[in-house]
Structures are given as structure tokens and as C-alpha cells.
């Protein structure tokens, strides 16, 4: 189970991948999600028209107002359970079993999202940095997960919408995720493939999501 715990630097998730044969030990996987909050400032002018009681004179007044651009990224899914996995098997979140990470743009501007890992969760043959044992992609939020009235709106053609190998360098995940209510939600899908000779024991990986203003 992946338990979401709020902390000052973001969110911490702890999880387990359980094997289903007696000779294998439990293989937990820890996912640490770090959310970076960014902000910038914008400004615009408000024009105010005034007049005398006789209506003879008109005056235009200018008021300058600073409007803050806020980037806030949050996760609505608190738990992910990858179920039972054995060596040589795989599981992913595209069929909502288990559910993917749900990313919500809580700010007031469109945002771009990147994703990276700190290390591979596995050490068996074929694992490591930039391998198909641990992959990700962006997806539209399904009704089963997000409910009715929510439709993902982001730049599909410029986002990573097919499975891509995780690396330790930040990679593009989503471009221009909308901030409009009901359209500000998207999925980050994960795929795990356990090497056939993977050793038993505790496995851990840190995932970092970074949000920035869409230019």
C-alpha cells in the first residue's frame, strides 16, 4: 500500500509490492514525490472613468494592480497498491488497477510537468537507469478514477503519452495542463516489470515531479 503523508517539502509515499509464492520475500517499493511550488508576478492596468454631477467633465483614472501567478501541484490519490508480483511479471496503472497518480493543477496558470527517479527500483538483469523495468507516461483522467465532470486538458501532442523509461534526469511528462476547474487534472501512469532474476528484499526509488509555468 502507498500511504500519502503531507510534509514541508512535498509528499512522501511508502509502498509495497508483494510476491505470491512462498520462496520470495516481500518486495516493498517506496515512492517519494517532491512537489516544487513556483510563483511569479504579472501586472495589468484598470481604467476608471469619473464625471462631475453636472456631467460636464470626464476624467480617466489609472489604477495599477499586481496579480500573482500561482503554481500549485497536488495529488488526489493517497494510496497505490500494485498487488502481487513475482519475478518475470509486470503490472501498470493504465486499467486503473491499481489507480495511477492523479495530478491536479491548483494554481491559476497553465503548467508543464517533468518527472525523474533517483535510482532504479530493481537490480536484476536488464534493470538500471533508462531501462524498461520502470516506465511512465501521461494520461487522461478516467471517469472511474476522477468521477464525472472532470476532463483532462493539456497539450497531448507535446506530452509523453506513450510509456517512456525512467531516468535520473528530469524528462517531459505533461505540457500546458489547464488551470480551469474540471480540466485541471491528469494522470501519471507507472509500469513496473520485475526482472526474472530479481533478488528479494527491500527496494526503493524516489520520484520527483516538477511544475513550471507554460511559456
C-alpha atoms as a PDB file:
ATOM      1  CA  UNK A   1       0.000   0.000   0.000  1.00  0.00           C
ATOM      2  CA  UNK A   2       1.223   3.505  -0.734  1.00  0.00           C
ATOM      3  CA  UNK A   3       0.395   5.886   2.107  1.00  0.00           C
ATOM      4  CA  UNK A   4       0.436   9.611   1.357  1.00  0.00           C
ATOM      5  CA  UNK A   5       1.859  11.766   4.147  1.00  0.00           C
ATOM      6  CA  UNK A   6       1.993  15.562   3.941  1.00  0.00           C
ATOM      7  CA  UNK A   7       5.318  17.202   4.761  1.00  0.00           C
ATOM      8  CA  UNK A   8       7.028  20.573   4.341  1.00  0.00           C
ATOM      9  CA  UNK A   9       8.938  19.640   1.184  1.00  0.00           C
ATOM     10  CA  UNK A  10       6.106  17.808  -0.579  1.00  0.00           C
ATOM     11  CA  UNK A  11       4.578  14.393  -0.154  1.00  0.00           C
ATOM     12  CA  UNK A  12       6.088  11.113   0.973  1.00  0.00           C
ATOM     13  CA  UNK A  13       4.694   7.837  -0.282  1.00  0.00           C
ATOM     14  CA  UNK A  14       5.568   4.423   1.060  1.00  0.00           C
ATOM     15  CA  UNK A  15       4.527   1.248  -0.679  1.00  0.00           C
ATOM     16  CA  UNK A  16       4.959  -2.487  -1.052  1.00  0.00           C
ATOM     17  CA  UNK A  17       4.992  -4.911  -3.936  1.00  0.00           C
ATOM     18  CA  UNK A  18       4.075  -8.322  -2.547  1.00  0.00           C
ATOM     19  CA  UNK A  19       5.127 -11.623  -4.070  1.00  0.00           C
ATOM     20  CA  UNK A  20       2.712 -14.531  -4.129  1.00  0.00           C
ATOM     21  CA  UNK A  21       4.996 -17.557  -3.812  1.00  0.00           C
ATOM     22  CA  UNK A  22       6.485 -18.808  -0.578  1.00  0.00           C
ATOM     23  CA  UNK A  23      10.152 -18.727  -1.607  1.00  0.00           C
ATOM     24  CA  UNK A  24      10.044 -14.990  -2.251  1.00  0.00           C
ATOM     25  CA  UNK A  25      10.196 -12.252   0.335  1.00  0.00           C
ATOM     26  CA  UNK A  26       8.108  -9.117   0.329  1.00  0.00           C
ATOM     27  CA  UNK A  27       9.488  -6.515  -2.099  1.00  0.00           C
ATOM     28  CA  UNK A  28       8.358  -3.066  -0.941  1.00  0.00           C
ATOM     29  CA  UNK A  29       8.795  -0.080  -3.170  1.00  0.00           C
ATOM     30  CA  UNK A  30       8.966   3.425  -1.726  1.00  0.00           C
ATOM     31  CA  UNK A  31       7.867   6.308  -3.930  1.00  0.00           C
ATOM     32  CA  UNK A  32       8.780   9.792  -2.703  1.00  0.00           C
ATOM     33  CA  UNK A  33       7.021  12.542  -4.588  1.00  0.00           C
ATOM     34  CA  UNK A  34       8.553  16.007  -4.281  1.00  0.00           C
ATOM     35  CA  UNK A  35       6.386  18.893  -5.371  1.00  0.00           C
ATOM     36  CA  UNK A  36       8.104  22.162  -6.263  1.00  0.00           C
ATOM     37  CA  UNK A  37       5.951  25.259  -5.839  1.00  0.00           C
ATOM     38  CA  UNK A  38       6.902  28.193  -8.045  1.00  0.00           C
ATOM     39  CA  UNK A  39       5.399  31.668  -8.392  1.00  0.00           C
ATOM     40  CA  UNK A  40       5.899  34.796 -10.455  1.00  0.00           C
ATOM     41  CA  UNK A  41       4.221  38.149 -10.775  1.00  0.00           C
ATOM     42  CA  UNK A  42       2.210  39.756 -13.549  1.00  0.00           C
ATOM     43  CA  UNK A  43       0.542  43.169 -13.778  1.00  0.00           C
ATOM     44  CA  UNK A  44      -2.246  44.908 -15.628  1.00  0.00           C
ATOM     45  CA  UNK A  45      -3.978  48.302 -15.594  1.00  0.00           C
ATOM     46  CA  UNK A  46      -7.561  49.061 -14.644  1.00  0.00           C
ATOM     47  CA  UNK A  47      -9.160  52.094 -16.302  1.00  0.00           C
ATOM     48  CA  UNK A  48     -11.688  54.009 -14.171  1.00  0.00           C
ATOM     49  CA  UNK A  49     -13.951  56.678 -15.660  1.00  0.00           C
ATOM     50  CA  UNK A  50     -15.274  59.526 -13.481  1.00  0.00           C
ATOM     51  CA  UNK A  51     -17.518  62.543 -14.052  1.00  0.00           C
ATOM     52  CA  UNK A  52     -18.937  65.536 -12.215  1.00  0.00           C
ATOM     53  CA  UNK A  53     -22.522  65.693 -11.035  1.00  0.00           C
ATOM     54  CA  UNK A  54     -23.283  68.032 -13.938  1.00  0.00           C
ATOM     55  CA  UNK A  55     -21.740  65.580 -16.365  1.00  0.00           C
ATOM     56  CA  UNK A  56     -19.650  68.356 -17.934  1.00  0.00           C
ATOM     57  CA  UNK A  57     -16.202  66.899 -17.303  1.00  0.00           C
ATOM     58  CA  UNK A  58     -14.947  63.321 -17.768  1.00  0.00           C
ATOM     59  CA  UNK A  59     -11.741  62.079 -16.186  1.00  0.00           C
ATOM     60  CA  UNK A  60      -9.928  58.781 -16.723  1.00  0.00           C
ATOM     61  CA  UNK A  61      -8.091  57.402 -13.731  1.00  0.00           C
ATOM     62  CA  UNK A  62      -5.492  54.600 -13.876  1.00  0.00           C
ATOM     63  CA  UNK A  63      -5.005  52.093 -11.083  1.00  0.00           C
ATOM     64  CA  UNK A  64      -2.090  49.642 -11.230  1.00  0.00           C
ATOM     65  CA  UNK A  65      -2.682  46.181  -9.784  1.00  0.00           C
ATOM     66  CA  UNK A  66      -0.174  43.342  -9.364  1.00  0.00           C
ATOM     67  CA  UNK A  67      -1.638  39.873  -9.924  1.00  0.00           C
ATOM     68  CA  UNK A  68       0.297  36.869  -8.633  1.00  0.00           C
ATOM     69  CA  UNK A  69       0.740  33.842 -10.891  1.00  0.00           C
ATOM     70  CA  UNK A  70       0.479  30.828  -8.621  1.00  0.00           C
ATOM     71  CA  UNK A  71       1.657  27.300  -9.371  1.00  0.00           C
ATOM     72  CA  UNK A  72       0.273  24.660  -7.037  1.00  0.00           C
ATOM     73  CA  UNK A  73       0.558  20.954  -7.836  1.00  0.00           C
ATOM     74  CA  UNK A  74      -1.233  18.375  -5.703  1.00  0.00           C
ATOM     75  CA  UNK A  75      -2.013  14.657  -5.702  1.00  0.00           C
ATOM     76  CA  UNK A  76      -5.565  13.486  -5.111  1.00  0.00           C
ATOM     77  CA  UNK A  77      -4.684   9.772  -4.859  1.00  0.00           C
ATOM     78  CA  UNK A  78      -3.429   8.805  -1.410  1.00  0.00           C
ATOM     79  CA  UNK A  79      -2.856   5.084  -1.942  1.00  0.00           C
ATOM     80  CA  UNK A  80      -1.462   2.860  -4.701  1.00  0.00           C
ATOM     81  CA  UNK A  81      -1.325  -0.905  -4.287  1.00  0.00           C
ATOM     82  CA  UNK A  82       0.489  -2.820  -7.027  1.00  0.00           C
ATOM     83  CA  UNK A  83      -0.910  -6.113  -5.768  1.00  0.00           C
ATOM     84  CA  UNK A  84       1.050  -9.390  -6.045  1.00  0.00           C
ATOM     85  CA  UNK A  85       4.049  -9.541  -8.365  1.00  0.00           C
ATOM     86  CA  UNK A  86       6.588 -12.302  -8.913  1.00  0.00           C
ATOM     87  CA  UNK A  87       9.879 -12.320 -10.778  1.00  0.00           C
ATOM     88  CA  UNK A  88       9.350 -12.034 -14.516  1.00  0.00           C
ATOM     89  CA  UNK A  89       5.928 -10.384 -14.253  1.00  0.00           C
ATOM     90  CA  UNK A  90       4.727  -6.821 -14.764  1.00  0.00           C
ATOM     91  CA  UNK A  91       1.908  -4.519 -13.739  1.00  0.00           C
ATOM     92  CA  UNK A  92       0.849  -0.996 -14.687  1.00  0.00           C
ATOM     93  CA  UNK A  93      -1.828   1.547 -13.867  1.00  0.00           C
ATOM     94  CA  UNK A  94      -3.463   2.075 -17.271  1.00  0.00           C
ATOM     95  CA  UNK A  95      -6.502  -0.083 -16.433  1.00  0.00           C
ATOM     96  CA  UNK A  96      -6.947   1.703 -13.083  1.00  0.00           C
ATOM     97  CA  UNK A  97      -5.986  -1.470 -11.232  1.00  0.00           C
ATOM     98  CA  UNK A  98      -4.126  -0.084  -9.407  1.00  0.00           C
ATOM     99  CA  UNK A  99      -5.022   3.587  -9.815  1.00  0.00           C
ATOM    100  CA  UNK A 100      -2.345   5.930 -11.218  1.00  0.00           C
ATOM    101  CA  UNK A 101      -1.079   9.131  -9.624  1.00  0.00           C
ATOM    102  CA  UNK A 102      -3.656  11.891 -10.116  1.00  0.00           C
ATOM    103  CA  UNK A 103      -2.066  15.304 -10.679  1.00  0.00           C
ATOM    104  CA  UNK A 104      -4.125  18.445 -10.048  1.00  0.00           C
ATOM    105  CA  UNK A 105      -3.155  21.965 -11.126  1.00  0.00           C
ATOM    106  CA  UNK A 106      -4.419  24.077  -8.239  1.00  0.00           C
ATOM    107  CA  UNK A 107      -2.863  27.320  -9.473  1.00  0.00           C
ATOM    108  CA  UNK A 108      -4.101  29.993 -11.851  1.00  0.00           C
ATOM    109  CA  UNK A 109      -1.883  29.417 -14.917  1.00  0.00           C
ATOM    110  CA  UNK A 110      -1.113  26.523 -17.256  1.00  0.00           C
ATOM    111  CA  UNK A 111       1.822  24.388 -16.135  1.00  0.00           C
ATOM    112  CA  UNK A 112       4.392  21.995 -17.576  1.00  0.00           C
ATOM    113  CA  UNK A 113       5.379  18.916 -15.567  1.00  0.00           C
ATOM    114  CA  UNK A 114       8.599  16.908 -15.580  1.00  0.00           C
ATOM    115  CA  UNK A 115       9.375  13.624 -13.851  1.00  0.00           C
ATOM    116  CA  UNK A 116      12.508  11.739 -12.776  1.00  0.00           C
ATOM    117  CA  UNK A 117      13.687   8.963 -10.452  1.00  0.00           C
ATOM    118  CA  UNK A 118      16.717   8.873  -8.199  1.00  0.00           C
ATOM    119  CA  UNK A 119      17.609   5.246  -8.974  1.00  0.00           C
ATOM    120  CA  UNK A 120      16.171   2.031 -10.376  1.00  0.00           C
ATOM    121  CA  UNK A 121      13.876   0.101  -8.018  1.00  0.00           C
ATOM    122  CA  UNK A 122      15.395  -3.200  -9.231  1.00  0.00           C
ATOM    123  CA  UNK A 123      18.867  -4.727  -9.515  1.00  0.00           C
ATOM    124  CA  UNK A 124      18.198  -7.810 -11.648  1.00  0.00           C
ATOM    125  CA  UNK A 125      19.237  -8.410 -15.264  1.00  0.00           C
ATOM    126  CA  UNK A 126      18.053  -5.636 -17.564  1.00  0.00           C
ATOM    127  CA  UNK A 127      17.326  -3.170 -14.779  1.00  0.00           C
ATOM    128  CA  UNK A 128      19.037   0.125 -14.042  1.00  0.00           C
ATOM    129  CA  UNK A 129      18.807   3.687 -15.302  1.00  0.00           C
ATOM    130  CA  UNK A 130      16.852   4.144 -18.555  1.00  0.00           C
ATOM    131  CA  UNK A 131      15.530   0.573 -18.806  1.00  0.00           C
ATOM    132  CA  UNK A 132      12.052  -0.845 -19.442  1.00  0.00           C
ATOM    133  CA  UNK A 133      11.740  -2.275 -15.923  1.00  0.00           C
ATOM    134  CA  UNK A 134      10.365   1.070 -14.658  1.00  0.00           C
ATOM    135  CA  UNK A 135       8.425   3.347 -17.013  1.00  0.00           C
ATOM    136  CA  UNK A 136       5.986   6.266 -17.011  1.00  0.00           C
ATOM    137  CA  UNK A 137       3.584   8.196 -19.225  1.00  0.00           C
ATOM    138  CA  UNK A 138       0.883  10.879 -19.059  1.00  0.00           C
ATOM    139  CA  UNK A 139      -2.784  10.032 -19.452  1.00  0.00           C
ATOM    140  CA  UNK A 140      -6.278  11.473 -19.462  1.00  0.00           C
ATOM    141  CA  UNK A 141      -8.065  11.097 -16.168  1.00  0.00           C
ATOM    142  CA  UNK A 142     -10.674   8.347 -16.418  1.00  0.00           C
ATOM    143  CA  UNK A 143     -14.204   8.685 -15.089  1.00  0.00           C
ATOM    144  CA  UNK A 144     -13.622   5.651 -12.880  1.00  0.00           C
ATOM    145  CA  UNK A 145     -10.792   7.443 -11.082  1.00  0.00           C
ATOM    146  CA  UNK A 146     -11.722  11.136 -11.327  1.00  0.00           C
ATOM    147  CA  UNK A 147     -15.503  10.916 -11.475  1.00  0.00           C
ATOM    148  CA  UNK A 148     -17.877  12.722 -13.827  1.00  0.00           C
ATOM    149  CA  UNK A 149     -17.407  16.387 -14.669  1.00  0.00           C
ATOM    150  CA  UNK A 150     -13.608  16.120 -14.892  1.00  0.00           C
ATOM    151  CA  UNK A 151     -11.847  16.125 -18.261  1.00  0.00           C
ATOM    152  CA  UNK A 152      -8.084  16.321 -18.663  1.00  0.00           C
ATOM    153  CA  UNK A 153      -6.991  19.276 -20.789  1.00  0.00           C
ATOM    154  CA  UNK A 154      -3.317  19.509 -21.738  1.00  0.00           C
ATOM    155  CA  UNK A 155      -1.194  19.579 -24.880  1.00  0.00           C
ATOM    156  CA  UNK A 156      -1.435  15.905 -25.837  1.00  0.00           C
ATOM    157  CA  UNK A 157       0.916  16.111 -28.821  1.00  0.00           C
ATOM    158  CA  UNK A 158       3.734  17.674 -26.783  1.00  0.00           C
ATOM    159  CA  UNK A 159       3.279  15.461 -23.701  1.00  0.00           C
ATOM    160  CA  UNK A 160       4.760  11.997 -23.057  1.00  0.00           C
ATOM    161  CA  UNK A 161       1.693   9.845 -23.801  1.00  0.00           C
ATOM    162  CA  UNK A 162       3.448   6.535 -24.504  1.00  0.00           C
ATOM    163  CA  UNK A 163       5.476   4.607 -21.943  1.00  0.00           C
ATOM    164  CA  UNK A 164       8.992   6.003 -21.534  1.00  0.00           C
ATOM    165  CA  UNK A 165      11.862   4.616 -19.465  1.00  0.00           C
ATOM    166  CA  UNK A 166      12.527   6.453 -16.210  1.00  0.00           C
ATOM    167  CA  UNK A 167      15.905   8.149 -15.893  1.00  0.00           C
ATOM    168  CA  UNK A 168      17.680  10.078 -13.170  1.00  0.00           C
ATOM    169  CA  UNK A 169      17.396  13.230 -15.311  1.00  0.00           C
ATOM    170  CA  UNK A 170      14.096  15.154 -15.444  1.00  0.00           C
ATOM    171  CA  UNK A 171      12.016  14.297 -18.522  1.00  0.00           C
ATOM    172  CA  UNK A 172       8.925  15.842 -20.049  1.00  0.00           C
ATOM    173  CA  UNK A 173       5.657  14.446 -18.695  1.00  0.00           C
ATOM    174  CA  UNK A 174       2.848  16.944 -19.396  1.00  0.00           C
ATOM    175  CA  UNK A 175       2.728  20.207 -21.338  1.00  0.00           C
ATOM    176  CA  UNK A 176       0.280  23.014 -20.553  1.00  0.00           C
ATOM    177  CA  UNK A 177      -2.016  21.359 -18.021  1.00  0.00           C
ATOM    178  CA  UNK A 178      -5.060  23.629 -17.732  1.00  0.00           C
ATOM    179  CA  UNK A 179      -5.907  25.504 -14.536  1.00  0.00           C
ATOM    180  CA  UNK A 180      -9.638  25.704 -15.335  1.00  0.00           C
ATOM    181  CA  UNK A 181     -11.757  23.846 -12.789  1.00  0.00           C
ATOM    182  CA  UNK A 182     -12.789  20.452 -14.131  1.00  0.00           C
ATOM    183  CA  UNK A 183      -9.993  20.492 -16.738  1.00  0.00           C
ATOM    184  CA  UNK A 184      -7.027  20.811 -14.352  1.00  0.00           C
ATOM    185  CA  UNK A 185      -6.469  17.118 -13.716  1.00  0.00           C
ATOM    186  CA  UNK A 186      -4.331  14.419 -15.374  1.00  0.00           C
ATOM    187  CA  UNK A 187      -2.821  11.008 -14.707  1.00  0.00           C
ATOM    188  CA  UNK A 188       0.798   9.915 -14.317  1.00  0.00           C
ATOM    189  CA  UNK A 189       0.834   6.225 -15.239  1.00  0.00           C
ATOM    190  CA  UNK A 190       3.508   3.836 -13.944  1.00  0.00           C
ATOM    191  CA  UNK A 191       4.704   0.465 -15.239  1.00  0.00           C
ATOM    192  CA  UNK A 192       6.801  -1.983 -13.219  1.00  0.00           C
ATOM    193  CA  UNK A 193       8.477  -5.058 -14.782  1.00  0.00           C
ATOM    194  CA  UNK A 194      10.220  -7.293 -12.248  1.00  0.00           C
ATOM    195  CA  UNK A 195      13.390  -8.918 -13.684  1.00  0.00           C
ATOM    196  CA  UNK A 196      13.263 -12.725 -13.743  1.00  0.00           C
ATOM    197  CA  UNK A 197      16.339 -12.946 -11.519  1.00  0.00           C
ATOM    198  CA  UNK A 198      15.442 -10.048  -9.213  1.00  0.00           C
ATOM    199  CA  UNK A 199      16.695 -10.573  -5.675  1.00  0.00           C
ATOM    200  CA  UNK A 200      14.269 -10.463  -2.787  1.00  0.00           C
ATOM    201  CA  UNK A 201      14.372  -7.721  -0.204  1.00  0.00           C
ATOM    202  CA  UNK A 202      13.521  -4.065   0.163  1.00  0.00           C
ATOM    203  CA  UNK A 203      13.560  -1.913  -2.982  1.00  0.00           C
ATOM    204  CA  UNK A 204      13.182   1.862  -3.026  1.00  0.00           C
ATOM    205  CA  UNK A 205      13.014   4.676  -5.557  1.00  0.00           C
ATOM    206  CA  UNK A 206      12.368   8.422  -5.297  1.00  0.00           C
ATOM    207  CA  UNK A 207      10.242  10.150  -7.942  1.00  0.00           C
ATOM    208  CA  UNK A 208      10.324  13.914  -8.403  1.00  0.00           C
ATOM    209  CA  UNK A 209       7.573  15.873 -10.185  1.00  0.00           C
ATOM    210  CA  UNK A 210       8.471  19.475 -11.037  1.00  0.00           C
ATOM    211  CA  UNK A 211       5.880  22.056 -12.148  1.00  0.00           C
ATOM    212  CA  UNK A 212       6.718  25.245 -14.029  1.00  0.00           C
ATOM    213  CA  UNK A 213       4.795  27.917 -15.920  1.00  0.00           C
ATOM    214  CA  UNK A 214       3.924  27.073 -19.512  1.00  0.00           C
ATOM    215  CA  UNK A 215       5.688  29.583 -21.756  1.00  0.00           C
END
